[in-house]
């Protein structure tokens, strides 16, 4: 019985390790009133968003939502940065699984326009 439990634990550990290796980082930079990246095209997969605040004199954030649904109830909450991004610093989101489709990203604190993110 002990060997069976050990084998299951090893198998579970391997699946978590394999998934962690497939996480990609998307780095985005905000300046006053805009993102420097105006559109993004990604493959379907697992991502972390890294948001940089470049010389904006207040904290900023990051919102990702399905195209045409900018309202808070549609936001992909795991894409929010884990804490507001202070001037000249960088913060990251949690892990986000993106499926094929069109999304928008923006910052209501900066504020910025809504930009397009396409997942193919």
N, C-alpha and C. Protein backbone atom coordinates (compact mmCIF):
# COMPACT_ATOMS: atom_id res chain seq x y z
N UNK A 1 0.82 -1.20 0.00
CA UNK A 1 0.00 0.00 0.00
C UNK A 1 0.86 1.26 0.00
N UNK A 2 1.95 1.27 0.78
CA UNK A 2 2.84 2.43 0.84
C UNK A 2 3.46 2.73 -0.51
N UNK A 3 3.82 1.68 -1.27
CA UNK A 3 4.42 1.89 -2.59
C UNK A 3 3.41 2.52 -3.54
N UNK A 4 2.15 2.10 -3.47
CA UNK A 4 1.11 2.66 -4.34
C UNK A 4 0.92 4.15 -4.05
N UNK A 5 0.91 4.53 -2.79
CA UNK A 5 0.76 5.95 -2.42
C UNK A 5 1.96 6.75 -2.91
N UNK A 6 3.15 6.23 -2.77
CA UNK A 6 4.36 6.92 -3.22
C UNK A 6 4.33 7.12 -4.73
N UNK A 7 3.89 6.14 -5.47
CA UNK A 7 3.81 6.24 -6.93
C UNK A 7 2.81 7.32 -7.33
N UNK A 8 1.68 7.36 -6.67
CA UNK A 8 0.68 8.39 -6.97
C UNK A 8 1.24 9.78 -6.68
N UNK A 9 1.91 9.94 -5.56
CA UNK A 9 2.49 11.24 -5.22
C UNK A 9 3.55 11.67 -6.23
N UNK A 10 4.37 10.76 -6.67
CA UNK A 10 5.38 11.08 -7.68
C UNK A 10 4.70 11.49 -8.98
N UNK A 11 3.68 10.78 -9.40
CA UNK A 11 2.98 11.10 -10.64
C UNK A 11 2.32 12.47 -10.55
N UNK A 12 1.71 12.79 -9.43
CA UNK A 12 1.09 14.11 -9.26
C UNK A 12 2.16 15.19 -9.30
N UNK A 13 3.28 14.98 -8.64
CA UNK A 13 4.38 15.94 -8.65
C UNK A 13 4.90 16.20 -10.05
N UNK A 14 5.01 15.16 -10.85
CA UNK A 14 5.47 15.32 -12.22
C UNK A 14 4.49 16.12 -13.06
N UNK A 15 3.21 15.95 -12.86
CA UNK A 15 2.24 16.69 -13.66
C UNK A 15 2.29 18.18 -13.32
N UNK A 16 2.49 18.53 -12.05
CA UNK A 16 2.61 19.94 -11.68
C UNK A 16 3.88 20.55 -12.26
N UNK A 17 4.98 19.81 -12.23
CA UNK A 17 6.25 20.29 -12.77
C UNK A 17 6.14 20.51 -14.27
N UNK A 18 5.52 19.60 -14.98
CA UNK A 18 5.38 19.73 -16.43
C UNK A 18 4.55 20.96 -16.77
N UNK A 19 3.48 21.21 -16.03
CA UNK A 19 2.65 22.37 -16.31
C UNK A 19 3.42 23.66 -16.04
N UNK A 20 4.19 23.70 -14.96
CA UNK A 20 4.94 24.90 -14.60
C UNK A 20 5.93 25.27 -15.70
N UNK A 21 6.47 24.30 -16.37
CA UNK A 21 7.45 24.57 -17.42
C UNK A 21 6.81 25.16 -18.67
N UNK A 22 5.51 25.06 -18.83
CA UNK A 22 4.83 25.57 -20.01
C UNK A 22 4.23 26.95 -19.81
N UNK A 23 4.46 27.58 -18.68
CA UNK A 23 3.93 28.92 -18.42
C UNK A 23 4.83 29.95 -19.09
N UNK A 24 4.22 30.81 -19.90
CA UNK A 24 4.97 31.85 -20.59
C UNK A 24 4.65 33.20 -19.94
N UNK A 25 5.58 34.13 -20.02
CA UNK A 25 5.39 35.46 -19.46
C UNK A 25 5.18 36.46 -20.59
N UNK A 26 4.16 37.30 -20.43
CA UNK A 26 3.90 38.40 -21.36
C UNK A 26 4.22 39.68 -20.61
N UNK A 27 5.24 40.41 -21.07
CA UNK A 27 5.64 41.66 -20.42
C UNK A 27 5.03 42.84 -21.15
N UNK A 28 4.32 43.67 -20.40
CA UNK A 28 3.67 44.86 -20.96
C UNK A 28 4.13 46.08 -20.18
N UNK A 29 4.27 47.18 -20.88
CA UNK A 29 4.75 48.42 -20.27
C UNK A 29 3.68 49.50 -20.43
N UNK A 30 3.41 50.19 -19.32
CA UNK A 30 2.49 51.33 -19.37
C UNK A 30 3.26 52.62 -19.19
N UNK A 31 2.90 53.59 -20.04
CA UNK A 31 3.35 54.97 -19.87
C UNK A 31 2.08 55.79 -19.66
N UNK A 32 2.19 57.07 -19.46
CA UNK A 32 1.02 57.89 -19.17
C UNK A 32 -0.05 57.73 -20.26
N UNK A 33 -1.19 57.18 -19.88
CA UNK A 33 -2.35 57.06 -20.77
C UNK A 33 -2.32 55.97 -21.81
N UNK A 34 -1.30 55.11 -21.79
CA UNK A 34 -1.26 54.06 -22.82
C UNK A 34 -0.33 52.91 -22.45
N UNK A 35 -0.55 51.79 -23.14
CA UNK A 35 0.39 50.69 -23.14
C UNK A 35 1.31 50.90 -24.33
N UNK A 36 2.58 50.55 -24.21
CA UNK A 36 3.47 50.70 -25.37
C UNK A 36 3.19 49.60 -26.40
N UNK A 37 2.66 48.45 -25.97
CA UNK A 37 2.27 47.37 -26.89
C UNK A 37 0.80 47.57 -27.23
N UNK A 38 0.53 47.86 -28.50
CA UNK A 38 -0.83 48.21 -28.93
C UNK A 38 -1.70 47.01 -29.28
N UNK A 39 -1.11 45.86 -29.51
CA UNK A 39 -1.86 44.63 -29.75
C UNK A 39 -0.92 43.45 -29.50
N UNK A 40 -1.52 42.32 -29.19
CA UNK A 40 -0.75 41.11 -28.88
C UNK A 40 -1.43 39.93 -29.55
N UNK A 41 -0.62 39.03 -30.11
CA UNK A 41 -1.12 37.76 -30.63
C UNK A 41 -0.35 36.65 -29.92
N UNK A 42 -1.09 35.72 -29.33
CA UNK A 42 -0.50 34.62 -28.57
C UNK A 42 -1.07 33.29 -29.04
N UNK A 43 -0.38 32.23 -28.69
CA UNK A 43 -0.91 30.88 -28.90
C UNK A 43 -1.74 30.52 -27.68
N UNK A 44 -2.67 29.61 -27.86
CA UNK A 44 -3.45 29.10 -26.74
C UNK A 44 -2.48 28.52 -25.72
N UNK A 45 -2.70 28.84 -24.44
CA UNK A 45 -1.79 28.32 -23.44
C UNK A 45 -1.90 29.00 -22.10
N UNK A 46 -0.88 28.85 -21.30
CA UNK A 46 -0.85 29.33 -19.92
C UNK A 46 0.17 30.46 -19.81
N UNK A 47 -0.27 31.57 -19.21
CA UNK A 47 0.55 32.78 -19.18
C UNK A 47 0.53 33.45 -17.81
N UNK A 48 1.55 34.26 -17.58
CA UNK A 48 1.59 35.24 -16.50
C UNK A 48 1.83 36.58 -17.17
N UNK A 49 1.08 37.59 -16.77
CA UNK A 49 1.26 38.94 -17.31
C UNK A 49 2.11 39.74 -16.34
N UNK A 50 3.17 40.34 -16.87
CA UNK A 50 4.07 41.18 -16.09
C UNK A 50 3.87 42.62 -16.56
N UNK A 51 3.45 43.47 -15.65
CA UNK A 51 3.08 44.85 -16.00
C UNK A 51 4.09 45.81 -15.39
N UNK A 52 4.66 46.68 -16.22
CA UNK A 52 5.62 47.68 -15.78
C UNK A 52 4.99 49.07 -15.83
N UNK A 53 5.21 49.84 -14.79
CA UNK A 53 4.76 51.24 -14.69
C UNK A 53 5.98 52.11 -14.98
N UNK A 54 6.01 52.74 -16.15
CA UNK A 54 7.15 53.56 -16.56
C UNK A 54 6.83 55.04 -16.39
N UNK A 55 7.27 55.57 -15.28
CA UNK A 55 7.20 57.02 -15.00
C UNK A 55 5.80 57.58 -14.84
N UNK A 56 4.80 56.74 -14.55
CA UNK A 56 3.46 57.24 -14.26
C UNK A 56 3.45 57.59 -12.78
N UNK A 57 2.97 58.77 -12.43
CA UNK A 57 3.09 59.25 -11.05
C UNK A 57 2.07 58.68 -10.08
N UNK A 58 1.47 57.56 -10.42
CA UNK A 58 0.54 56.87 -9.52
C UNK A 58 0.51 55.38 -9.88
N UNK A 59 -0.13 54.60 -9.03
CA UNK A 59 -0.21 53.16 -9.25
C UNK A 59 -1.10 52.84 -10.45
N UNK A 60 -0.78 51.75 -11.13
CA UNK A 60 -1.58 51.28 -12.27
C UNK A 60 -1.92 49.81 -12.05
N UNK A 61 -2.76 49.29 -12.93
CA UNK A 61 -3.17 47.89 -12.86
C UNK A 61 -3.24 47.28 -14.24
N UNK A 62 -4.01 46.22 -14.36
CA UNK A 62 -4.16 45.51 -15.63
C UNK A 62 -5.47 44.76 -15.63
N UNK A 63 -6.22 44.91 -16.72
CA UNK A 63 -7.49 44.20 -16.87
C UNK A 63 -7.45 43.45 -18.20
N UNK A 64 -7.86 42.19 -18.17
CA UNK A 64 -8.02 41.37 -19.37
C UNK A 64 -9.45 40.85 -19.36
N UNK A 65 -10.13 40.96 -20.51
CA UNK A 65 -11.53 40.54 -20.59
C UNK A 65 -11.83 40.06 -22.02
N UNK A 66 -12.89 39.28 -22.19
CA UNK A 66 -13.29 38.91 -23.55
C UNK A 66 -13.65 40.17 -24.35
N UNK A 67 -13.37 40.15 -25.64
CA UNK A 67 -13.66 41.29 -26.51
C UNK A 67 -15.14 41.66 -26.40
N UNK A 68 -15.40 42.96 -26.27
CA UNK A 68 -16.76 43.46 -26.18
C UNK A 68 -17.38 43.36 -24.80
N UNK A 69 -16.61 42.92 -23.80
CA UNK A 69 -17.15 42.75 -22.45
C UNK A 69 -16.21 43.38 -21.42
N UNK A 70 -16.07 44.70 -21.44
CA UNK A 70 -15.13 45.36 -20.52
C UNK A 70 -15.63 45.49 -19.08
N UNK A 71 -16.89 45.17 -18.83
CA UNK A 71 -17.46 45.32 -17.50
C UNK A 71 -16.77 44.39 -16.50
N UNK A 72 -16.69 44.83 -15.25
CA UNK A 72 -15.97 44.10 -14.19
C UNK A 72 -16.43 42.65 -14.06
N UNK A 73 -17.72 42.38 -14.26
CA UNK A 73 -18.20 41.01 -14.10
C UNK A 73 -17.60 40.04 -15.12
N UNK A 74 -17.03 40.57 -16.22
CA UNK A 74 -16.43 39.73 -17.26
C UNK A 74 -14.90 39.67 -17.17
N UNK A 75 -14.31 40.46 -16.29
CA UNK A 75 -12.84 40.47 -16.18
C UNK A 75 -12.32 39.08 -15.85
N UNK A 76 -11.16 38.76 -16.40
CA UNK A 76 -10.48 37.52 -16.06
C UNK A 76 -9.65 37.85 -14.82
N UNK A 77 -10.19 37.51 -13.67
CA UNK A 77 -9.63 37.94 -12.38
C UNK A 77 -8.20 37.46 -12.16
N UNK A 78 -7.85 36.29 -12.66
CA UNK A 78 -6.49 35.80 -12.48
C UNK A 78 -5.46 36.64 -13.23
N UNK A 79 -5.91 37.45 -14.19
CA UNK A 79 -5.00 38.32 -14.94
C UNK A 79 -4.70 39.62 -14.20
N UNK A 80 -5.48 39.95 -13.18
CA UNK A 80 -5.17 41.14 -12.40
C UNK A 80 -3.77 41.00 -11.81
N UNK A 81 -3.03 42.12 -11.71
CA UNK A 81 -1.76 42.07 -11.01
C UNK A 81 -2.04 41.79 -9.54
N UNK A 82 -1.12 41.11 -8.88
CA UNK A 82 -1.36 40.70 -7.50
C UNK A 82 -1.37 41.87 -6.52
N UNK A 83 -0.78 43.01 -6.93
CA UNK A 83 -0.91 44.25 -6.18
C UNK A 83 -0.70 45.39 -7.16
N UNK A 84 -1.23 46.60 -6.87
CA UNK A 84 -1.06 47.72 -7.79
C UNK A 84 0.42 47.97 -8.10
N UNK A 85 0.67 48.42 -9.33
CA UNK A 85 2.03 48.62 -9.80
C UNK A 85 2.46 50.06 -9.52
N UNK A 86 3.40 50.22 -8.61
CA UNK A 86 3.90 51.55 -8.24
C UNK A 86 4.76 52.14 -9.35
N UNK A 87 4.99 53.43 -9.28
CA UNK A 87 5.82 54.14 -10.25
C UNK A 87 7.18 53.46 -10.39
N UNK A 88 7.57 53.24 -11.63
CA UNK A 88 8.86 52.64 -11.99
C UNK A 88 9.10 51.27 -11.34
N UNK A 89 8.04 50.49 -11.26
CA UNK A 89 8.18 49.12 -10.76
C UNK A 89 7.37 48.17 -11.65
N UNK A 90 7.45 46.89 -11.33
CA UNK A 90 6.79 45.85 -12.12
C UNK A 90 6.10 44.89 -11.17
N UNK A 91 4.91 44.44 -11.56
CA UNK A 91 4.17 43.43 -10.80
C UNK A 91 3.63 42.40 -11.79
N UNK A 92 3.26 41.24 -11.28
CA UNK A 92 2.79 40.15 -12.13
C UNK A 92 1.39 39.71 -11.74
N UNK A 93 0.73 39.07 -12.70
CA UNK A 93 -0.58 38.46 -12.46
C UNK A 93 -0.38 37.07 -11.90
N UNK A 94 -1.48 36.43 -11.60
CA UNK A 94 -1.46 35.00 -11.30
C UNK A 94 -1.39 34.27 -12.64
N UNK A 95 -1.47 32.97 -12.62
CA UNK A 95 -1.45 32.17 -13.85
C UNK A 95 -2.80 32.29 -14.55
N UNK A 96 -2.75 32.49 -15.87
CA UNK A 96 -3.95 32.67 -16.69
C UNK A 96 -3.93 31.65 -17.81
N UNK A 97 -5.00 30.86 -17.93
CA UNK A 97 -5.14 29.92 -19.05
C UNK A 97 -5.97 30.61 -20.12
N UNK A 98 -5.38 30.80 -21.31
CA UNK A 98 -6.08 31.48 -22.40
C UNK A 98 -6.45 30.49 -23.49
N UNK A 99 -7.72 30.54 -23.87
CA UNK A 99 -8.24 29.72 -24.97
C UNK A 99 -8.33 30.59 -26.22
N UNK A 100 -8.48 29.96 -27.37
CA UNK A 100 -8.59 30.70 -28.63
C UNK A 100 -9.74 31.70 -28.54
N UNK A 101 -9.49 32.89 -29.09
CA UNK A 101 -10.51 33.92 -29.11
C UNK A 101 -9.89 35.31 -29.08
N UNK A 102 -10.76 36.31 -28.97
CA UNK A 102 -10.31 37.69 -28.92
C UNK A 102 -10.60 38.26 -27.54
N UNK A 103 -9.66 39.01 -27.04
CA UNK A 103 -9.74 39.62 -25.72
C UNK A 103 -9.36 41.10 -25.84
N UNK A 104 -9.62 41.83 -24.77
CA UNK A 104 -9.15 43.21 -24.67
C UNK A 104 -8.34 43.33 -23.40
N UNK A 105 -7.38 44.25 -23.40
CA UNK A 105 -6.65 44.58 -22.19
C UNK A 105 -6.58 46.09 -22.06
N UNK A 106 -6.59 46.55 -20.81
CA UNK A 106 -6.56 47.98 -20.54
C UNK A 106 -6.26 48.21 -19.08
N UNK A 107 -6.09 49.49 -18.74
CA UNK A 107 -5.89 49.87 -17.34
C UNK A 107 -6.83 51.01 -17.00
N UNK A 108 -7.80 50.78 -16.15
CA UNK A 108 -8.72 51.85 -15.77
C UNK A 108 -8.09 52.88 -14.83
N UNK A 109 -6.95 52.54 -14.20
CA UNK A 109 -6.29 53.46 -13.28
C UNK A 109 -5.39 54.46 -14.00
N UNK A 110 -4.94 54.13 -15.21
CA UNK A 110 -3.99 54.98 -15.93
C UNK A 110 -4.66 56.20 -16.52
N UNK A 111 -5.80 56.24 -17.11
CA UNK A 111 -6.50 55.18 -17.85
C UNK A 111 -5.94 55.05 -19.27
N UNK A 112 -6.19 53.88 -19.87
CA UNK A 112 -5.70 53.61 -21.23
C UNK A 112 -6.87 53.25 -22.13
N UNK A 113 -6.65 53.28 -23.44
CA UNK A 113 -7.65 52.72 -24.36
C UNK A 113 -7.71 51.20 -24.16
N UNK A 114 -8.67 50.56 -24.81
CA UNK A 114 -8.75 49.10 -24.82
C UNK A 114 -7.97 48.60 -26.04
N UNK A 115 -7.06 47.68 -25.77
CA UNK A 115 -6.22 47.11 -26.83
C UNK A 115 -6.64 45.67 -27.07
N UNK A 116 -6.24 45.13 -28.25
CA UNK A 116 -6.64 43.79 -28.65
C UNK A 116 -5.57 42.75 -28.35
N UNK A 117 -6.03 41.63 -27.78
CA UNK A 117 -5.19 40.46 -27.57
C UNK A 117 -5.88 39.30 -28.27
N UNK A 118 -5.21 38.70 -29.22
CA UNK A 118 -5.78 37.56 -29.98
C UNK A 118 -5.05 36.30 -29.59
N UNK A 119 -5.81 35.26 -29.29
CA UNK A 119 -5.24 33.95 -28.99
C UNK A 119 -5.63 33.02 -30.14
N UNK A 120 -4.61 32.49 -30.81
CA UNK A 120 -4.83 31.62 -31.98
C UNK A 120 -4.67 30.16 -31.63
